[in-house]
Amino acid sequence: MYFSMFRFKRRQRRQIKQEMLLTYLISSVLLCLAMSSQVAAQYRFDSWTTDDGLPQNSVFTILQTRDGYLWMGTYEGLAR
């Protein structure tokens, strides 16, 4: 009798741990989704190609000067 009660309590504790883990995971996912929408609103992404004036489509370095200009280095040359 005692052994079956102990096993029941152990099973109950395991179930509680699993429920807590599931609650934590769901909360974490919801928090990440909420924060990602706020972070995405702060940044703007643009795509530049050779049609926009880059010497080559592959950029290997980017530098922003103090006055705000972006310099992009490609194997074909520099672009501002």
PDB file of N, CA and C in Angstrom:
ATOM      1  N   MET A   1       0.819  -1.184   0.000  1.00  0.00           N
ATOM      2  CA  MET A   1       0.000   0.000   0.000  1.00  0.00           C
ATOM      3  C   MET A   1       0.875   1.265   0.000  1.00  0.00           C
ATOM      4  N   TYR A   2       1.864   1.286   0.872  1.00  0.00           N
ATOM      5  CA  TYR A   2       2.742   2.456   0.956  1.00  0.00           C
ATOM      6  C   TYR A   2       3.483   2.654  -0.358  1.00  0.00           C
ATOM      7  N   PHE A   3       3.955   1.575  -0.958  1.00  0.00           N
ATOM      8  CA  PHE A   3       4.714   1.667  -2.206  1.00  0.00           C
ATOM      9  C   PHE A   3       3.853   2.246  -3.333  1.00  0.00           C
ATOM     10  N   SER A   4       2.603   1.833  -3.432  1.00  0.00           N
ATOM     11  CA  SER A   4       1.733   2.356  -4.488  1.00  0.00           C
ATOM     12  C   SER A   4       1.430   3.833  -4.267  1.00  0.00           C
ATOM     13  N   MET A   5       1.303   4.268  -3.021  1.00  0.00           N
ATOM     14  CA  MET A   5       1.077   5.694  -2.732  1.00  0.00           C
ATOM     15  C   MET A   5       2.310   6.512  -3.106  1.00  0.00           C
ATOM     16  N   PHE A   6       3.502   5.956  -2.790  1.00  0.00           N
ATOM     17  CA  PHE A   6       4.740   6.653  -3.127  1.00  0.00           C
ATOM     18  C   PHE A   6       4.880   6.793  -4.638  1.00  0.00           C
ATOM     19  N   ARG A   7       4.572   5.721  -5.363  1.00  0.00           N
ATOM     20  CA  ARG A   7       4.661   5.753  -6.819  1.00  0.00           C
ATOM     21  C   ARG A   7       3.657   6.744  -7.393  1.00  0.00           C
ATOM     22  N   PHE A   8       2.465   6.822  -6.809  1.00  0.00           N
ATOM     23  CA  PHE A   8       1.464   7.787  -7.262  1.00  0.00           C
ATOM     24  C   PHE A   8       1.966   9.209  -7.047  1.00  0.00           C
ATOM     25  N   LYS A   9       2.560   9.482  -5.899  1.00  0.00           N
ATOM     26  CA  LYS A   9       3.074  10.823  -5.621  1.00  0.00           C
ATOM     27  C   LYS A   9       4.212  11.172  -6.571  1.00  0.00           C
ATOM     28  N   ARG A  10       5.061  10.179  -6.868  1.00  0.00           N
ATOM     29  CA  ARG A  10       6.160  10.430  -7.792  1.00  0.00           C
ATOM     30  C   ARG A  10       5.618  10.748  -9.186  1.00  0.00           C
ATOM     31  N   ARG A  11       4.615  10.020  -9.608  1.00  0.00           N
ATOM     32  CA  ARG A  11       3.980  10.277 -10.899  1.00  0.00           C
ATOM     33  C   ARG A  11       3.330  11.654 -10.901  1.00  0.00           C
ATOM     34  N   GLN A  12       2.712  12.006  -9.797  1.00  0.00           N
ATOM     35  CA  GLN A  12       2.065  13.323  -9.687  1.00  0.00           C
ATOM     36  C   GLN A  12       3.109  14.441  -9.749  1.00  0.00           C
ATOM     37  N   ARG A  13       4.240  14.252  -9.063  1.00  0.00           N
ATOM     38  CA  ARG A  13       5.302  15.267  -9.103  1.00  0.00           C
ATOM     39  C   ARG A  13       5.862  15.407 -10.515  1.00  0.00           C
ATOM     40  N   ARG A  14       6.045  14.304 -11.217  1.00  0.00           N
ATOM     41  CA  ARG A  14       6.540  14.349 -12.584  1.00  0.00           C
ATOM     42  C   ARG A  14       5.559  15.086 -13.488  1.00  0.00           C
ATOM     43  N   GLN A  15       4.275  14.844 -13.295  1.00  0.00           N
ATOM     44  CA  GLN A  15       3.260  15.519 -14.107  1.00  0.00           C
ATOM     45  C   GLN A  15       3.272  17.016 -13.826  1.00  0.00           C
ATOM     46  N   ILE A  16       3.432  17.400 -12.573  1.00  0.00           N
ATOM     47  CA  ILE A  16       3.485  18.824 -12.225  1.00  0.00           C
ATOM     48  C   ILE A  16       4.716  19.471 -12.856  1.00  0.00           C
ATOM     49  N   LYS A  17       5.852  18.776 -12.834  1.00  0.00           N
ATOM     50  CA  LYS A  17       7.066  19.314 -13.461  1.00  0.00           C
ATOM     51  C   LYS A  17       6.878  19.493 -14.959  1.00  0.00           C
ATOM     52  N   GLN A  18       6.251  18.519 -15.593  1.00  0.00           N
ATOM     53  CA  GLN A  18       6.007  18.613 -17.024  1.00  0.00           C
ATOM     54  C   GLN A  18       5.067  19.769 -17.347  1.00  0.00           C
ATOM     55  N   GLU A  19       4.040  19.958 -16.533  1.00  0.00           N
ATOM     56  CA  GLU A  19       3.119  21.079 -16.756  1.00  0.00           C
ATOM     57  C   GLU A  19       3.812  22.408 -16.561  1.00  0.00           C
ATOM     58  N   MET A  20       4.690  22.499 -15.554  1.00  0.00           N
ATOM     59  CA  MET A  20       5.433  23.743 -15.329  1.00  0.00           C
ATOM     60  C   MET A  20       6.374  24.033 -16.500  1.00  0.00           C
ATOM     61  N   LEU A  21       7.030  22.989 -17.015  1.00  0.00           N
ATOM     62  CA  LEU A  21       7.926  23.160 -18.154  1.00  0.00           C
ATOM     63  C   LEU A  21       7.158  23.608 -19.388  1.00  0.00           C
ATOM     64  N   LEU A  22       6.017  22.999 -19.624  1.00  0.00           N
ATOM     65  CA  LEU A  22       5.191  23.386 -20.765  1.00  0.00           C
ATOM     66  C   LEU A  22       4.715  24.831 -20.633  1.00  0.00           C
ATOM     67  N   THR A  23       4.302  25.222 -19.436  1.00  0.00           N
ATOM     68  CA  THR A  23       3.881  26.603 -19.198  1.00  0.00           C
ATOM     69  C   THR A  23       5.031  27.566 -19.439  1.00  0.00           C
ATOM     70  N   TYR A  24       6.230  27.207 -18.980  1.00  0.00           N
ATOM     71  CA  TYR A  24       7.405  28.047 -19.187  1.00  0.00           C
ATOM     72  C   TYR A  24       7.724  28.187 -20.675  1.00  0.00           C
ATOM     73  N   LEU A  25       7.683  27.086 -21.408  1.00  0.00           N
ATOM     74  CA  LEU A  25       7.986  27.135 -22.836  1.00  0.00           C
ATOM     75  C   LEU A  25       6.972  27.983 -23.597  1.00  0.00           C
ATOM     76  N   ILE A  26       5.707  27.816 -23.305  1.00  0.00           N
ATOM     77  CA  ILE A  26       4.672  28.610 -23.979  1.00  0.00           C
ATOM     78  C   ILE A  26       4.839  30.086 -23.645  1.00  0.00           C
ATOM     79  N   SER A  27       5.116  30.393 -22.380  1.00  0.00           N
ATOM     80  CA  SER A  27       5.323  31.790 -21.984  1.00  0.00           C
ATOM     81  C   SER A  27       6.530  32.385 -22.688  1.00  0.00           C
ATOM     82  N   SER A  28       7.603  31.603 -22.804  1.00  0.00           N
ATOM     83  CA  SER A  28       8.813  32.094 -23.471  1.00  0.00           C
ATOM     84  C   SER A  28       8.553  32.376 -24.949  1.00  0.00           C
ATOM     85  N   VAL A  29       7.846  31.491 -25.600  1.00  0.00           N
ATOM     86  CA  VAL A  29       7.536  31.695 -27.023  1.00  0.00           C
ATOM     87  C   VAL A  29       6.681  32.937 -27.204  1.00  0.00           C
ATOM     88  N   LEU A  30       5.670  33.113 -26.362  1.00  0.00           N
ATOM     89  CA  LEU A  30       4.812  34.295 -26.470  1.00  0.00           C
ATOM     90  C   LEU A  30       5.594  35.573 -26.201  1.00  0.00           C
ATOM     91  N   LEU A  31       6.485  35.541 -25.233  1.00  0.00           N
ATOM     92  CA  LEU A  31       7.305  36.713 -24.927  1.00  0.00           C
ATOM     93  C   LEU A  31       8.227  37.048 -26.095  1.00  0.00           C
ATOM     94  N   CYS A  32       8.833  36.028 -26.698  1.00  0.00           N
ATOM     95  CA  CYS A  32       9.711  36.259 -27.859  1.00  0.00           C
ATOM     96  C   CYS A  32       8.930  36.844 -29.033  1.00  0.00           C
ATOM     97  N   LEU A  33       7.741  36.334 -29.262  1.00  0.00           N
ATOM     98  CA  LEU A  33       6.929  36.873 -30.355  1.00  0.00           C
ATOM     99  C   LEU A  33       6.545  38.327 -30.095  1.00  0.00           C
ATOM    100  N   ALA A  34       6.203  38.649 -28.871  1.00  0.00           N
ATOM    101  CA  ALA A  34       5.836  40.025 -28.540  1.00  0.00           C
ATOM    102  C   ALA A  34       7.032  40.961 -28.698  1.00  0.00           C
ATOM    103  N   MET A  35       8.201  40.516 -28.261  1.00  0.00           N
ATOM    104  CA  MET A  35       9.388  41.364 -28.348  1.00  0.00           C
ATOM    105  C   MET A  35       9.889  41.494 -29.773  1.00  0.00           C
ATOM    106  N   SER A  36       9.753  40.459 -30.582  1.00  0.00           N
ATOM    107  CA  SER A  36      10.265  40.521 -31.947  1.00  0.00           C
ATOM    108  C   SER A  36       9.498  41.544 -32.775  1.00  0.00           C
ATOM    109  N   SER A  37       8.216  41.706 -32.522  1.00  0.00           N
ATOM    110  CA  SER A  37       7.460  42.705 -33.273  1.00  0.00           C
ATOM    111  C   SER A  37       7.905  44.112 -32.887  1.00  0.00           C
ATOM    112  N   GLN A  38       8.275  44.318 -31.616  1.00  0.00           N
ATOM    113  CA  GLN A  38       8.765  45.626 -31.191  1.00  0.00           C
ATOM    114  C   GLN A  38      10.142  45.905 -31.772  1.00  0.00           C
ATOM    115  N   VAL A  39      11.006  44.920 -31.784  1.00  0.00           N
ATOM    116  CA  VAL A  39      12.363  45.092 -32.302  1.00  0.00           C
ATOM    117  C   VAL A  39      12.324  45.320 -33.804  1.00  0.00           C
ATOM    118  N   ALA A  40      11.492  44.585 -34.512  1.00  0.00           N
ATOM    119  CA  ALA A  40      11.400  44.737 -35.963  1.00  0.00           C
ATOM    120  C   ALA A  40      10.897  46.124 -36.340  1.00  0.00           C
ATOM    121  N   ALA A  41      10.113  46.742 -35.492  1.00  0.00           N
ATOM    122  CA  ALA A  41       9.605  48.072 -35.789  1.00  0.00           C
ATOM    123  C   ALA A  41      10.704  49.133 -35.678  1.00  0.00           C
ATOM    124  N   GLN A  42      11.807  48.824 -34.999  1.00  0.00           N
ATOM    125  CA  GLN A  42      12.885  49.790 -34.808  1.00  0.00           C
ATOM    126  C   GLN A  42      13.832  49.860 -36.001  1.00  0.00           C
ATOM    127  N   TYR A  43      13.881  48.824 -36.797  1.00  0.00           N
ATOM    128  CA  TYR A  43      14.866  48.750 -37.869  1.00  0.00           C
ATOM    129  C   TYR A  43      14.185  48.726 -39.233  1.00  0.00           C
ATOM    130  N   ARG A  44      14.933  49.189 -40.221  1.00  0.00           N
ATOM    131  CA  ARG A  44      14.452  49.149 -41.595  1.00  0.00           C
ATOM    132  C   ARG A  44      15.489  48.425 -42.435  1.00  0.00           C
ATOM    133  N   PHE A  45      15.050  47.505 -43.245  1.00  0.00           N
ATOM    134  CA  PHE A  45      15.950  46.721 -44.076  1.00  0.00           C
ATOM    135  C   PHE A  45      15.760  47.098 -45.535  1.00  0.00           C
ATOM    136  N   ASP A  46      16.871  47.410 -46.193  1.00  0.00           N
ATOM    137  CA  ASP A  46      16.867  47.698 -47.622  1.00  0.00           C
ATOM    138  C   ASP A  46      17.802  46.716 -48.315  1.00  0.00           C
ATOM    139  N   SER A  47      17.527  46.451 -49.561  1.00  0.00           N
ATOM    140  CA  SER A  47      18.358  45.550 -50.353  1.00  0.00           C
ATOM    141  C   SER A  47      18.885  46.324 -51.552  1.00  0.00           C
ATOM    142  N   TRP A  48      20.219  46.316 -51.720  1.00  0.00           N
ATOM    143  CA  TRP A  48      20.838  47.015 -52.835  1.00  0.00           C
ATOM    144  C   TRP A  48      21.533  46.007 -53.742  1.00  0.00           C
ATOM    145  N   THR A  49      21.469  46.256 -55.030  1.00  0.00           N
ATOM    146  CA  THR A  49      22.104  45.389 -56.021  1.00  0.00           C
ATOM    147  C   THR A  49      22.915  46.250 -56.986  1.00  0.00           C
ATOM    148  N   THR A  50      23.407  45.638 -58.028  1.00  0.00           N
ATOM    149  CA  THR A  50      24.145  46.401 -59.033  1.00  0.00           C
ATOM    150  C   THR A  50      23.221  47.379 -59.758  1.00  0.00           C
ATOM    151  N   ASP A  51      21.934  47.087 -59.789  1.00  0.00           N
ATOM    152  CA  ASP A  51      20.979  48.036 -60.388  1.00  0.00           C
ATOM    153  C   ASP A  51      20.893  49.326 -59.588  1.00  0.00           C
ATOM    154  N   ASP A  52      21.218  49.260 -58.287  1.00  0.00           N
ATOM    155  CA  ASP A  52      21.175  50.445 -57.430  1.00  0.00           C
ATOM    156  C   ASP A  52      22.516  51.155 -57.346  1.00  0.00           C
ATOM    157  N   GLY A  53      23.528  50.655 -58.043  1.00  0.00           N
ATOM    158  CA  GLY A  53      24.815  51.339 -58.075  1.00  0.00           C
ATOM    159  C   GLY A  53      25.960  50.608 -57.410  1.00  0.00           C
ATOM    160  N   LEU A  54      25.730  49.437 -56.854  1.00  0.00           N
ATOM    161  CA  LEU A  54      26.845  48.684 -56.281  1.00  0.00           C
ATOM    162  C   LEU A  54      27.715  48.117 -57.401  1.00  0.00           C
ATOM    163  N   PRO A  55      29.038  48.101 -57.206  1.00  0.00           N
ATOM    164  CA  PRO A  55      29.907  47.526 -58.223  1.00  0.00           C
ATOM    165  C   PRO A  55      29.692  46.013 -58.405  1.00  0.00           C
ATOM    166  N   GLN A  56      29.257  45.341 -57.336  1.00  0.00           N
ATOM    167  CA  GLN A  56      29.039  43.898 -57.360  1.00  0.00           C
ATOM    168  C   GLN A  56      27.962  43.584 -56.317  1.00  0.00           C
ATOM    169  N   ASN A  57      27.225  42.496 -56.489  1.00  0.00           N
ATOM    170  CA  ASN A  57      26.154  42.157 -55.554  1.00  0.00           C
ATOM    171  C   ASN A  57      26.651  41.610 -54.216  1.00  0.00           C
ATOM    172  N   SER A  58      27.884  41.114 -54.159  1.00  0.00           N
ATOM    173  CA  SER A  58      28.425  40.560 -52.916  1.00  0.00           C
ATOM    174  C   SER A  58      29.184  41.638 -52.156  1.00  0.00           C
ATOM    175  N   VAL A  59      28.678  42.014 -50.999  1.00  0.00           N
ATOM    176  CA  VAL A  59      29.321  43.015 -50.143  1.00  0.00           C
ATOM    177  C   VAL A  59      30.040  42.267 -49.032  1.00  0.00           C
ATOM    178  N   PHE A  60      31.326  42.567 -48.813  1.00  0.00           N
ATOM    179  CA  PHE A  60      32.057  41.876 -47.766  1.00  0.00           C
ATOM    180  C   PHE A  60      32.368  42.773 -46.576  1.00  0.00           C
ATOM    181  N   THR A  61      32.145  44.073 -46.688  1.00  0.00           N
ATOM    182  CA  THR A  61      32.334  44.962 -45.537  1.00  0.00           C
ATOM    183  C   THR A  61      31.442  46.184 -45.674  1.00  0.00           C
ATOM    184  N   ILE A  62      30.980  46.690 -44.515  1.00  0.00           N
ATOM    185  CA  ILE A  62      30.150  47.902 -44.475  1.00  0.00           C
ATOM    186  C   ILE A  62      30.682  48.777 -43.349  1.00  0.00           C
ATOM    187  N   LEU A  63      30.782  50.074 -43.623  1.00  0.00           N
ATOM    188  CA  LEU A  63      31.239  51.032 -42.625  1.00  0.00           C
ATOM    189  C   LEU A  63      30.337  52.253 -42.688  1.00  0.00           C
ATOM    190  N   GLN A  64      29.939  52.755 -41.516  1.00  0.00           N
ATOM    191  CA  GLN A  64      29.148  53.983 -41.468  1.00  0.00           C
ATOM    192  C   GLN A  64      30.014  55.080 -40.870  1.00  0.00           C
ATOM    193  N   THR A  65      30.089  56.211 -41.588  1.00  0.00           N
ATOM    194  CA  THR A  65      30.889  57.337 -41.111  1.00  0.00           C
ATOM    195  C   THR A  65      30.100  58.138 -40.075  1.00  0.00           C
ATOM    196  N   ARG A  66      30.788  59.065 -39.436  1.00  0.00           N
ATOM    197  CA  ARG A  66      30.130  59.880 -38.408  1.00  0.00           C
ATOM    198  C   ARG A  66      29.007  60.730 -38.969  1.00  0.00           C
ATOM    199  N   ASP A  67      29.136  61.128 -40.224  1.00  0.00           N
ATOM    200  CA  ASP A  67      28.084  61.959 -40.819  1.00  0.00           C
ATOM    201  C   ASP A  67      26.960  61.114 -41.433  1.00  0.00           C
ATOM    202  N   GLY A  68      26.997  59.786 -41.248  1.00  0.00           N
ATOM    203  CA  GLY A  68      25.881  58.940 -41.622  1.00  0.00           C
ATOM    204  C   GLY A  68      25.990  58.205 -42.945  1.00  0.00           C
ATOM    205  N   TYR A  69      27.043  58.450 -43.707  1.00  0.00           N
ATOM    206  CA  TYR A  69      27.194  57.753 -44.986  1.00  0.00           C
ATOM    207  C   TYR A  69      27.577  56.288 -44.759  1.00  0.00           C
ATOM    208  N   LEU A  70      27.052  55.418 -45.604  1.00  0.00           N
ATOM    209  CA  LEU A  70      27.432  54.005 -45.579  1.00  0.00           C
ATOM    210  C   LEU A  70      28.405  53.730 -46.715  1.00  0.00           C
ATOM    211  N   TRP A  71      29.543  53.180 -46.391  1.00  0.00           N
ATOM    212  CA  TRP A  71      30.523  52.749 -47.384  1.00  0.00           C
ATOM    213  C   TRP A  71      30.466  51.231 -47.439  1.00  0.00           C
ATOM    214  N   MET A  72      30.325  50.699 -48.644  1.00  0.00           N
ATOM    215  CA  MET A  72      30.266  49.254 -48.827  1.00  0.00           C
ATOM    216  C   MET A  72      31.413  48.810 -49.711  1.00  0.00           C
ATOM    217  N   GLY A  73      32.125  47.810 -49.226  1.00  0.00           N
ATOM    218  CA  GLY A  73      33.253  47.284 -49.989  1.00  0.00           C
ATOM    219  C   GLY A  73      32.891  45.962 -50.662  1.00  0.00           C
ATOM    220  N   THR A  74      33.155  45.883 -51.946  1.00  0.00           N
ATOM    221  CA  THR A  74      32.954  44.657 -52.707  1.00  0.00           C
ATOM    222  C   THR A  74      34.285  44.293 -53.353  1.00  0.00           C
ATOM    223  N   TYR A  75      34.367  43.152 -53.994  1.00  0.00           N
ATOM    224  CA  TYR A  75      35.588  42.774 -54.706  1.00  0.00           C
ATOM    225  C   TYR A  75      35.809  43.627 -55.940  1.00  0.00           C
ATOM    226  N   GLU A  76      34.777  44.295 -56.408  1.00  0.00           N
ATOM    227  CA  GLU A  76      34.885  45.145 -57.585  1.00  0.00           C
ATOM    228  C   GLU A  76      35.180  46.601 -57.229  1.00  0.00           C
ATOM    229  N   GLY A  77      35.073  46.985 -55.942  1.00  0.00           N
ATOM    230  CA  GLY A  77      35.350  48.362 -55.564  1.00  0.00           C
ATOM    231  C   GLY A  77      34.493  48.826 -54.398  1.00  0.00           C
ATOM    232  N   LEU A  78      34.581  50.140 -54.100  1.00  0.00           N
ATOM    233  CA  LEU A  78      33.845  50.770 -53.005  1.00  0.00           C
ATOM    234  C   LEU A  78      32.610  51.474 -53.523  1.00  0.00           C
ATOM    235  N   ALA A  79      31.611  51.563 -52.651  1.00  0.00           N
ATOM    236  CA  ALA A  79      30.390  52.310 -52.996  1.00  0.00           C
ATOM    237  C   ALA A  79      29.952  53.073 -51.767  1.00  0.00           C
ATOM    238  N   ARG A  80      29.439  54.299 -51.997  1.00  0.00           N
ATOM    239  CA  ARG A  80      28.935  55.107 -50.881  1.00  0.00           C
ATOM    240  C   ARG A  80      27.462  55.349 -51.091  1.00  0.00           C
TER     241      ARG A  80
END
